[in-house]
Amino acid sequence: MDGPRTTALPVALALLLVLSPIAAVVHTGAGASTAARPASDAGPSPSSDAPGARMTDAPGAGFPPVTGGRNTTAYLAIEASDVQRSGRGTVSLDVAGAAALDRAALEGRHSYLSLVESFTDAGTTAEREVAVERAIARLTDRVAALERRERAALAAFNEGDMSARAYLRELAVVNARADGLSRSLTQLYEYVDSMRESPVSPARIAELKSRLVGLRGPVRDRVAGAMRGGDDPVRVFVETSETAVVLATVTGSEFNRQYVREAYLPGVRDPGGTDRFRTDRGYDLEAARTRASELYPWTFENAGPTSTGLRTGEPYLYRAGVYSVTVDHPHGTAGQGDLVTYIDGATGDVFREVQFKDVSEVPTAEPLANRSDGLYLAVNRTHPGGPVSVRVRSNATGDPVDATVSVDGEPVGRTGSDGRFWTVASREAFTVTATAGDRNVTVGPMLPADTL
């Protein structure tokens, strides 16, 4: 079997030595509470609560879908009473952060090359078995270390020892390291699959891959792009409980804006539980899809292409009791998997979710508006952490106005030639101000629309 030239290893190691780790920024303020649960598809009822038992800390303590006030896709959320911190952070060019990302990428590359070299150099079946056993041991340790790092960052953020910006930087570095580990695990699976008898099962590799699911995500990718300076600064909604994290942002150009959201609630998982979707005949992917349709009724009633179980590639995560269900829908961005859910086979509930939405298709509440200094400002809200539309027009002519938009006194962007700007809502009351020259107009304070 051909492999990369091993002379790349000393070069990678030399580069690793000159890169420095990321530093944290101290910030104060914290809350208190514990667990989390997902919200469900918005439907016709204005109620924000659903009948039935709520989730407890015990894995598998289920709960019914929660109904909102407008028809759109469901979303996985932290229960309001369990939120420890909620806020926003802006990430831009960050030299130290970019160096930490480079270091993570190089270490991941070195780990991958070491794996390839060890297997390529193994000339006998016994040597290949030893190489596989050593590789799975190393990767197991590295996955566990990365989980500890992610939990430590979450604890520091919740305790007020880390700002939202510093927390996002740390999540971006964890994301980069998880990418490298996932690549190595995929390569290890290919080696294991080529062996007649392997000391490591595909299920064990899938279990390690499943633990990386919540450590990677598209919002973290966008944070990394901003840190490197290749992308515009990104403003991110951050919400956490004792164990869970939700990230959301609005990205894209003036006429192609996307709302991107990721949520990870590890407490929903029961890794040691019985997989309800596994039968004597194998893995029942259709049953997993049916469960997803129960949790996201509007999405499946309006679904485009759907994929179950196959998103992550081999070894498929259902070998570890994790079922990915990917769905496109009318409010999505078309072509990249608008809703990606990961269902735990033991609890039957979603513990990881990624969403992409076209902001122009997102239902919003009726606008809150104000007129002042010849300007008209209208703000259309959605749920906490959801997209918020800001429109600025001339009070006299109704023409769009290019204005600077500030939220709670912090400038967050401009409306542009179409007079419109999108950002993300906070959980608490917030105020929006639009400024054009020496004129300004304000709406708020206002709360997000909990029923959307």
Protein backbone atom coordinates (compact mmCIF):
# COMPACT_ATOMS: atom_id res chain seq x y z
CA MET A 1 0.00 0.00 0.00
CA ASP A 2 1.38 3.40 -0.94
CA GLY A 3 1.67 6.11 1.72
CA PRO A 4 3.01 9.66 2.07
CA ARG A 5 6.76 10.16 2.21
CA THR A 6 7.91 9.92 5.80
CA THR A 7 10.35 12.80 5.37
CA ALA A 8 7.33 15.06 5.97
CA LEU A 9 7.31 14.14 9.65
CA PRO A 10 10.47 16.01 10.77
CA VAL A 11 9.26 19.09 8.90
CA ALA A 12 5.88 18.98 10.61
CA LEU A 13 7.51 18.54 14.00
CA ALA A 14 9.83 21.47 13.42
CA LEU A 15 6.90 23.72 12.51
CA LEU A 16 5.02 22.64 15.62
CA LEU A 17 7.80 23.90 17.86
CA VAL A 18 7.53 27.51 16.66
CA LEU A 19 3.78 27.90 17.17
CA SER A 20 2.41 29.19 20.45
CA PRO A 21 -0.87 28.19 22.18
CA ILE A 22 -3.89 30.42 22.48
CA ALA A 23 -4.38 32.74 25.45
CA ALA A 24 -7.65 33.45 27.29
CA VAL A 25 -9.21 36.85 27.98
CA VAL A 26 -10.74 37.33 31.43
CA HIS A 27 -14.36 38.41 31.66
CA THR A 28 -16.75 38.54 34.62
CA GLY A 29 -20.37 37.54 35.02
CA ALA A 30 -22.12 34.17 35.37
CA GLY A 31 -25.44 32.54 36.17
CA ALA A 32 -26.51 29.21 37.60
CA SER A 33 -28.47 26.07 36.70
CA THR A 34 -28.06 22.61 35.18
CA ALA A 35 -29.63 20.59 32.33
CA ALA A 36 -31.19 21.16 28.87
CA ARG A 37 -33.90 20.11 26.43
CA PRO A 38 -34.74 20.73 22.78
CA ALA A 39 -37.57 22.87 21.47
CA SER A 40 -39.57 21.63 18.50
CA ASP A 41 -41.15 22.74 15.25
CA ALA A 42 -43.11 25.94 15.29
CA GLY A 43 -46.80 25.26 14.73
CA PRO A 44 -50.12 27.07 15.10
CA SER A 45 -50.30 27.23 18.90
CA PRO A 46 -48.89 30.29 20.72
CA SER A 47 -47.91 28.22 23.75
CA SER A 48 -44.21 27.99 24.61
CA ASP A 49 -44.70 24.91 26.77
CA ALA A 50 -45.80 21.39 25.88
CA PRO A 51 -47.76 18.89 27.96
CA GLY A 52 -45.91 16.01 29.50
CA ALA A 53 -42.77 15.42 31.52
CA ARG A 54 -39.70 17.54 30.99
CA MET A 55 -36.25 16.14 30.69
CA THR A 56 -34.22 15.35 33.79
CA ASP A 57 -30.51 14.70 34.21
CA ALA A 58 -31.15 10.99 33.71
CA PRO A 59 -30.46 9.86 30.13
CA GLY A 60 -33.56 8.84 28.24
CA ALA A 61 -36.02 10.86 30.32
CA GLY A 62 -37.99 11.93 27.26
CA PHE A 63 -40.25 14.87 26.53
CA PRO A 64 -42.75 15.73 23.79
CA PRO A 65 -42.20 18.29 21.03
CA VAL A 66 -42.69 21.92 22.01
CA THR A 67 -45.00 24.00 19.80
CA GLY A 68 -44.20 27.57 18.83
CA GLY A 69 -46.18 30.25 17.02
CA ARG A 70 -45.15 30.11 13.35
CA ASN A 71 -44.61 27.35 10.81
CA THR A 72 -40.90 26.74 10.38
CA THR A 73 -38.38 24.10 11.35
CA ALA A 74 -37.79 23.01 14.93
CA TYR A 75 -34.59 23.74 16.77
CA LEU A 76 -32.64 22.09 19.55
CA ALA A 77 -32.44 24.47 22.52
CA ILE A 78 -31.34 24.74 26.12
CA GLU A 79 -34.23 25.05 28.55
CA ALA A 80 -34.41 28.70 29.67
CA SER A 81 -34.19 27.78 33.36
CA ASP A 82 -30.98 25.84 32.69
CA VAL A 83 -29.08 28.60 30.91
CA GLN A 84 -25.91 29.59 32.77
CA ARG A 85 -24.63 32.23 30.34
CA SER A 86 -26.13 33.85 27.27
CA GLY A 87 -24.63 36.63 25.19
CA ARG A 88 -22.83 37.60 22.00
CA GLY A 89 -19.19 37.75 20.98
CA THR A 90 -17.48 39.25 17.95
CA VAL A 91 -14.40 37.57 16.50
CA SER A 92 -12.05 39.20 13.99
CA LEU A 93 -8.42 38.87 12.91
CA ASP A 94 -6.50 37.30 15.80
CA VAL A 95 -2.79 36.58 15.32
CA ALA A 96 -2.43 34.42 18.45
CA GLY A 97 -5.66 32.60 17.65
CA ALA A 98 -4.57 31.98 14.05
CA ALA A 99 -1.26 30.56 15.32
CA ALA A 100 -3.18 28.20 17.62
CA LEU A 101 -5.29 27.06 14.66
CA ASP A 102 -2.15 26.44 12.60
CA ARG A 103 -0.64 24.46 15.44
CA ALA A 104 -3.80 22.33 15.72
CA ALA A 105 -3.80 21.68 11.97
CA LEU A 106 -0.12 20.69 11.95
CA GLU A 107 -0.50 18.39 14.92
CA GLY A 108 -3.47 16.75 13.21
CA ARG A 109 -1.42 16.33 10.05
CA HIS A 110 1.47 14.84 12.03
CA SER A 111 -0.87 12.38 13.76
CA TYR A 112 -2.29 11.34 10.40
CA LEU A 113 1.15 10.89 8.81
CA SER A 114 2.37 8.88 11.81
CA LEU A 115 -0.61 6.58 11.43
CA VAL A 116 0.04 6.10 7.72
CA GLU A 117 3.75 5.49 8.32
CA SER A 118 3.16 2.92 11.06
CA PHE A 119 0.84 0.87 8.91
CA THR A 120 2.92 1.22 5.74
CA ASP A 121 6.03 0.02 7.58
CA ALA A 122 4.21 -3.02 9.01
CA GLY A 123 5.25 -5.97 6.87
CA THR A 124 3.34 -8.79 8.54
CA THR A 125 -0.15 -9.38 9.85
CA ALA A 126 1.13 -9.36 13.42
CA GLU A 127 2.90 -6.02 12.88
CA ARG A 128 -0.23 -4.51 11.36
CA GLU A 129 -2.28 -5.67 14.33
CA VAL A 130 0.19 -4.02 16.70
CA ALA A 131 0.08 -0.82 14.63
CA VAL A 132 -3.71 -0.75 14.78
CA GLU A 133 -3.79 -1.39 18.54
CA ARG A 134 -1.28 1.39 19.20
CA ALA A 135 -3.15 3.78 16.92
CA ILE A 136 -6.52 3.20 18.58
CA ALA A 137 -4.94 3.69 22.01
CA ARG A 138 -3.34 7.00 20.96
CA LEU A 139 -6.51 8.27 19.31
CA THR A 140 -8.63 7.25 22.31
CA ASP A 141 -6.35 9.30 24.58
CA ARG A 142 -6.45 12.29 22.24
CA VAL A 143 -10.23 12.27 21.93
CA ALA A 144 -10.54 12.13 25.72
CA ALA A 145 -8.03 14.99 26.11
CA LEU A 146 -9.95 17.11 23.62
CA GLU A 147 -13.21 16.45 25.46
CA ARG A 148 -11.54 17.58 28.70
CA ARG A 149 -10.30 20.74 26.99
CA GLU A 150 -13.77 21.55 25.67
CA ARG A 151 -15.34 20.97 29.10
CA ALA A 152 -12.70 23.13 30.81
CA ALA A 153 -13.40 26.00 28.40
CA LEU A 154 -17.14 25.66 29.02
CA ALA A 155 -16.62 25.72 32.79
CA ALA A 156 -14.36 28.78 32.55
CA PHE A 157 -16.92 30.58 30.39
CA ASN A 158 -19.80 29.70 32.71
CA GLU A 159 -17.84 30.84 35.75
CA GLY A 160 -17.07 34.20 34.13
CA ASP A 161 -13.33 33.55 33.78
CA MET A 162 -13.47 33.66 29.97
CA SER A 163 -15.14 36.19 27.68
CA ALA A 164 -17.46 35.14 24.86
CA ARG A 165 -14.75 36.08 22.35
CA ALA A 166 -12.10 34.00 24.11
CA TYR A 167 -14.52 31.08 24.44
CA LEU A 168 -15.28 31.19 20.72
CA ARG A 169 -11.55 31.20 19.94
CA GLU A 170 -11.06 28.14 22.10
CA LEU A 171 -13.99 26.35 20.45
CA ALA A 172 -12.47 27.11 17.03
CA VAL A 173 -9.19 25.48 18.09
CA VAL A 174 -11.04 22.46 19.52
CA ASN A 175 -12.89 22.26 16.19
CA ALA A 176 -9.59 22.20 14.27
CA ARG A 177 -8.19 19.44 16.48
CA ALA A 178 -11.40 17.43 16.15
CA ASP A 179 -11.12 17.71 12.35
CA GLY A 180 -7.64 16.20 12.48
CA LEU A 181 -8.70 13.39 14.79
CA SER A 182 -11.70 12.57 12.59
CA ARG A 183 -9.43 12.26 9.56
CA SER A 184 -7.10 9.90 11.41
CA LEU A 185 -10.03 7.78 12.62
CA THR A 186 -11.36 7.50 9.08
CA GLN A 187 -7.93 6.38 7.87
CA LEU A 188 -7.67 3.87 10.70
CA TYR A 189 -11.03 2.43 9.68
CA GLU A 190 -9.78 1.93 6.13
CA TYR A 191 -6.83 -0.06 7.47
CA VAL A 192 -9.06 -2.12 9.77
CA ASP A 193 -11.49 -2.79 6.92
CA SER A 194 -8.64 -4.10 4.74
CA MET A 195 -7.57 -6.67 7.35
CA ARG A 196 -9.03 -10.15 7.38
CA GLU A 197 -9.15 -10.11 11.18
CA SER A 198 -8.59 -6.91 13.14
CA PRO A 199 -8.04 -6.43 16.89
CA VAL A 200 -10.21 -3.28 16.65
CA SER A 201 -13.87 -3.33 15.59
CA PRO A 202 -15.45 -0.69 13.32
CA ALA A 203 -17.91 -0.02 16.16
CA ARG A 204 -15.08 1.10 18.43
CA ILE A 205 -13.81 3.55 15.80
CA ALA A 206 -17.38 4.78 15.21
CA GLU A 207 -17.76 5.38 18.95
CA LEU A 208 -14.71 7.66 18.94
CA LYS A 209 -16.00 9.50 15.88
CA SER A 210 -19.38 9.98 17.56
CA ARG A 211 -17.66 11.73 20.48
CA LEU A 212 -16.25 14.30 18.06
CA VAL A 213 -19.66 15.20 16.60
CA GLY A 214 -20.36 17.93 19.14
CA LEU A 215 -16.83 19.36 19.00
CA ARG A 216 -17.06 20.40 15.33
CA GLY A 217 -19.45 22.69 13.50
CA PRO A 218 -20.06 25.33 10.85
CA VAL A 219 -20.25 28.28 13.26
CA ARG A 220 -16.85 27.29 14.64
CA ASP A 221 -15.56 27.09 11.05
CA ARG A 222 -16.70 30.67 10.48
CA VAL A 223 -15.06 31.80 13.70
CA ALA A 224 -11.81 30.21 12.51
CA GLY A 225 -12.09 32.02 9.17
CA ALA A 226 -12.50 35.36 10.95
CA MET A 227 -9.54 34.61 13.24
CA ARG A 228 -7.32 33.97 10.23
CA GLY A 229 -8.44 37.25 8.63
CA GLY A 230 -9.72 35.56 5.48
CA ASP A 231 -13.36 36.27 6.37
CA ASP A 232 -15.15 39.32 7.72
CA PRO A 233 -15.52 39.64 11.51
CA VAL A 234 -18.29 37.35 12.75
CA ARG A 235 -20.77 38.10 15.53
CA VAL A 236 -21.96 34.98 17.33
CA PHE A 237 -24.76 34.27 19.77
CA VAL A 238 -23.42 32.04 22.56
CA GLU A 239 -25.60 30.24 25.08
CA THR A 240 -24.56 27.56 27.54
CA SER A 241 -25.77 25.36 30.35
CA GLU A 242 -23.60 23.26 32.64
CA THR A 243 -22.90 20.85 29.77
CA ALA A 244 -24.56 22.23 26.62
CA VAL A 245 -23.66 24.93 24.10
CA VAL A 246 -25.60 26.72 21.35
CA LEU A 247 -23.90 28.93 18.75
CA ALA A 248 -25.61 31.00 16.03
CA THR A 249 -24.63 33.67 13.53
CA VAL A 250 -25.67 35.37 10.30
CA THR A 251 -23.16 35.28 7.45
CA GLY A 252 -23.01 35.94 3.72
CA SER A 253 -23.25 38.85 1.32
CA GLU A 254 -25.91 41.57 1.21
CA PHE A 255 -28.28 39.57 -1.01
CA ASN A 256 -27.34 36.07 0.16
CA ARG A 257 -27.43 36.00 3.93
CA GLN A 258 -27.57 32.74 5.85
CA TYR A 259 -28.51 32.00 9.41
CA VAL A 260 -26.23 29.26 10.75
CA ARG A 261 -26.87 27.55 14.07
CA GLU A 262 -25.39 24.60 15.93
CA ALA A 263 -26.47 23.05 19.22
CA TYR A 264 -24.87 20.32 21.31
CA LEU A 265 -26.62 18.83 24.35
CA PRO A 266 -24.46 15.87 25.46
CA GLY A 267 -26.71 15.16 28.45
CA VAL A 268 -29.34 13.80 26.04
CA ARG A 269 -27.06 10.89 25.15
CA ASP A 270 -26.92 7.53 26.90
CA PRO A 271 -23.86 5.85 25.30
CA GLY A 272 -24.26 2.69 27.37
CA GLY A 273 -27.99 2.29 26.75
CA THR A 274 -29.80 -0.15 24.49
CA ASP A 275 -30.07 1.03 20.89
CA ARG A 276 -33.79 1.05 20.08
CA PHE A 277 -33.07 1.26 16.34
CA ARG A 278 -30.94 -1.87 16.25
CA THR A 279 -32.72 -5.15 15.61
CA ASP A 280 -31.76 -8.76 14.97
CA ARG A 281 -31.76 -7.87 11.27
CA GLY A 282 -29.40 -4.91 11.64
CA TYR A 283 -29.77 -1.14 11.97
CA ASP A 284 -33.25 0.24 11.28
CA LEU A 285 -32.45 3.54 9.58
CA GLU A 286 -36.07 4.07 8.57
CA ALA A 287 -37.14 3.95 12.23
CA ALA A 288 -34.55 6.65 13.00
CA ARG A 289 -35.93 8.76 10.17
CA THR A 290 -39.46 8.28 11.51
CA ARG A 291 -38.32 9.45 14.93
CA ALA A 292 -36.80 12.57 13.37
CA SER A 293 -40.08 13.26 11.57
CA GLU A 294 -41.89 13.12 14.92
CA LEU A 295 -39.52 15.70 16.39
CA TYR A 296 -39.56 17.94 13.30
CA PRO A 297 -43.06 17.57 11.80
CA TRP A 298 -43.10 20.80 9.73
CA THR A 299 -39.69 20.01 8.27
CA PHE A 300 -40.68 16.55 7.09
CA GLU A 301 -44.07 17.67 5.84
CA ASN A 302 -42.18 20.12 3.62
CA ALA A 303 -39.02 18.07 3.13
CA GLY A 304 -36.82 17.94 0.09
CA PRO A 305 -34.01 15.38 -0.20
CA THR A 306 -33.42 13.36 2.98
CA SER A 307 -30.48 11.20 4.05
CA THR A 308 -30.37 8.90 7.07
CA GLY A 309 -27.26 7.48 8.67
CA LEU A 310 -24.80 8.18 5.86
CA ARG A 311 -23.64 11.77 6.38
CA THR A 312 -20.37 11.10 8.21
CA GLY A 313 -19.02 8.35 5.96
CA GLU A 314 -17.58 5.07 7.17
CA PRO A 315 -17.49 3.93 9.83
CA TYR A 316 -21.09 5.08 9.99
CA LEU A 317 -22.06 6.39 13.41
CA TYR A 318 -25.04 4.08 13.73
CA ARG A 319 -22.48 1.41 14.61
CA ALA A 320 -22.10 3.42 17.83
CA GLY A 321 -25.83 4.05 18.29
CA VAL A 322 -25.84 7.52 16.70
CA TYR A 323 -28.16 8.20 13.74
CA SER A 324 -27.64 11.24 11.53
CA VAL A 325 -30.71 12.50 9.67
CA THR A 326 -30.21 15.26 7.08
CA VAL A 327 -33.15 17.13 5.54
CA ASP A 328 -33.58 20.01 3.07
CA HIS A 329 -36.64 22.27 3.48
CA PRO A 330 -38.16 25.46 2.01
CA HIS A 331 -36.61 27.82 4.59
CA GLY A 332 -33.14 26.42 4.01
CA THR A 333 -30.25 27.47 1.82
CA ALA A 334 -30.57 24.59 -0.68
CA GLY A 335 -27.85 22.08 -1.39
CA GLN A 336 -25.85 21.64 1.82
CA GLY A 337 -28.25 19.87 4.18
CA ASP A 338 -30.49 22.51 5.73
CA LEU A 339 -31.17 20.52 8.91
CA VAL A 340 -28.67 17.99 10.25
CA THR A 341 -29.68 16.07 13.36
CA TYR A 342 -27.93 13.38 15.38
CA ILE A 343 -30.26 11.09 17.31
CA ASP A 344 -29.08 8.93 20.19
CA GLY A 345 -30.27 5.38 19.66
CA ALA A 346 -30.80 4.74 23.38
CA THR A 347 -32.84 7.85 24.25
CA GLY A 348 -34.40 8.39 20.83
CA ASP A 349 -33.74 12.12 21.14
CA VAL A 350 -31.61 14.64 19.27
CA PHE A 351 -28.39 15.60 21.05
CA ARG A 352 -26.65 17.42 18.20
CA GLU A 353 -28.14 19.66 15.54
CA VAL A 354 -26.91 21.96 12.76
CA GLN A 355 -29.16 24.32 10.82
CA PHE A 356 -28.71 26.50 7.73
CA LYS A 357 -31.50 28.95 6.84
CA ASP A 358 -32.04 31.57 4.17
CA VAL A 359 -32.90 34.63 6.27
CA SER A 360 -35.26 35.93 3.59
CA GLU A 361 -37.43 32.82 4.12
CA VAL A 362 -37.50 32.88 7.94
CA PRO A 363 -40.89 33.80 9.48
CA THR A 364 -40.62 36.71 11.93
CA ALA A 365 -42.88 38.46 14.40
CA GLU A 366 -44.68 41.66 13.47
CA PRO A 367 -42.16 44.50 13.36
CA LEU A 368 -41.52 46.91 16.19
CA ALA A 369 -40.90 50.30 14.60
CA ASN A 370 -40.06 53.93 15.34
CA ARG A 371 -39.65 57.18 13.40
CA SER A 372 -37.13 59.87 14.31
CA ASP A 373 -34.87 62.41 12.55
CA GLY A 374 -36.45 61.60 9.21
CA LEU A 375 -35.65 57.89 9.54
CA TYR A 376 -37.95 54.87 9.85
CA LEU A 377 -36.57 51.83 11.71
CA ALA A 378 -38.35 48.47 11.83
CA VAL A 379 -37.09 45.40 13.74
CA ASN A 380 -38.52 41.92 13.06
CA ARG A 381 -37.69 39.43 15.79
CA THR A 382 -37.55 35.64 16.13
CA HIS A 383 -36.63 33.35 19.05
CA PRO A 384 -33.66 33.93 21.40
CA GLY A 385 -30.51 33.41 19.36
CA GLY A 386 -32.56 33.52 16.16
CA PRO A 387 -32.15 35.90 13.22
CA VAL A 388 -33.32 39.51 13.59
CA SER A 389 -34.16 41.73 10.62
CA VAL A 390 -33.37 45.46 10.78
CA ARG A 391 -34.79 47.77 8.08
CA VAL A 392 -34.02 51.47 7.73
CA ARG A 393 -35.88 53.78 5.29
CA SER A 394 -36.41 57.44 4.67
CA ASN A 395 -39.49 58.62 6.55
CA ALA A 396 -40.28 61.04 3.75
CA THR A 397 -39.76 58.91 0.62
CA GLY A 398 -39.70 55.32 1.87
CA ASP A 399 -36.38 54.72 0.09
CA PRO A 400 -33.80 52.41 1.72
CA VAL A 401 -31.14 54.15 3.80
CA ASP A 402 -27.57 52.93 4.26
CA ALA A 403 -27.13 53.23 8.03
CA THR A 404 -24.90 51.93 10.80
CA VAL A 405 -26.73 49.46 13.05
CA SER A 406 -25.90 49.19 16.75
CA VAL A 407 -27.26 46.69 19.25
CA ASP A 408 -27.12 47.81 22.88
CA GLY A 409 -24.69 50.55 21.85
CA GLU A 410 -22.27 48.24 19.99
CA PRO A 411 -21.95 48.79 16.21
CA VAL A 412 -22.64 45.47 14.47
CA GLY A 413 -22.82 46.38 10.76
CA ARG A 414 -24.49 48.46 8.05
CA THR A 415 -27.80 48.07 6.26
CA GLY A 416 -26.27 48.59 2.80
CA SER A 417 -28.01 49.76 -0.35
CA ASP A 418 -31.15 47.71 0.34
CA GLY A 419 -31.59 49.31 3.76
CA ARG A 420 -31.65 45.93 5.50
CA PHE A 421 -29.36 44.18 7.97
CA TRP A 422 -29.58 40.83 9.74
CA THR A 423 -28.08 39.93 13.10
CA VAL A 424 -28.85 37.49 15.94
CA ALA A 425 -31.14 38.14 18.90
CA SER A 426 -30.04 37.89 22.49
CA ARG A 427 -32.09 36.12 25.16
CA GLU A 428 -32.48 39.30 27.19
CA ALA A 429 -34.10 42.57 26.18
CA PHE A 430 -32.08 44.48 23.58
CA THR A 431 -32.11 47.86 21.85
CA VAL A 432 -31.42 48.56 18.17
CA THR A 433 -30.23 51.96 16.91
CA ALA A 434 -29.72 53.04 13.30
CA THR A 435 -27.46 56.00 12.52
CA ALA A 436 -27.13 57.80 9.18
CA GLY A 437 -24.88 60.85 9.39
CA ASP A 438 -26.09 62.96 12.30
CA ARG A 439 -29.51 61.31 12.32
CA ASN A 440 -30.48 58.31 14.43
CA VAL A 441 -33.53 56.31 15.42
CA THR A 442 -33.95 53.67 18.14
CA VAL A 443 -36.29 50.74 18.80
CA GLY A 444 -36.32 49.02 22.18
CA PRO A 445 -35.66 47.71 24.68
CA MET A 446 -37.49 44.63 23.37
CA LEU A 447 -37.47 40.92 24.05
CA PRO A 448 -37.05 38.24 21.38
CA ALA A 449 -40.24 36.58 20.15
CA ASP A 450 -40.43 33.37 22.18
CA THR A 451 -43.12 31.79 19.99
CA LEU A 452 -41.02 31.74 16.78
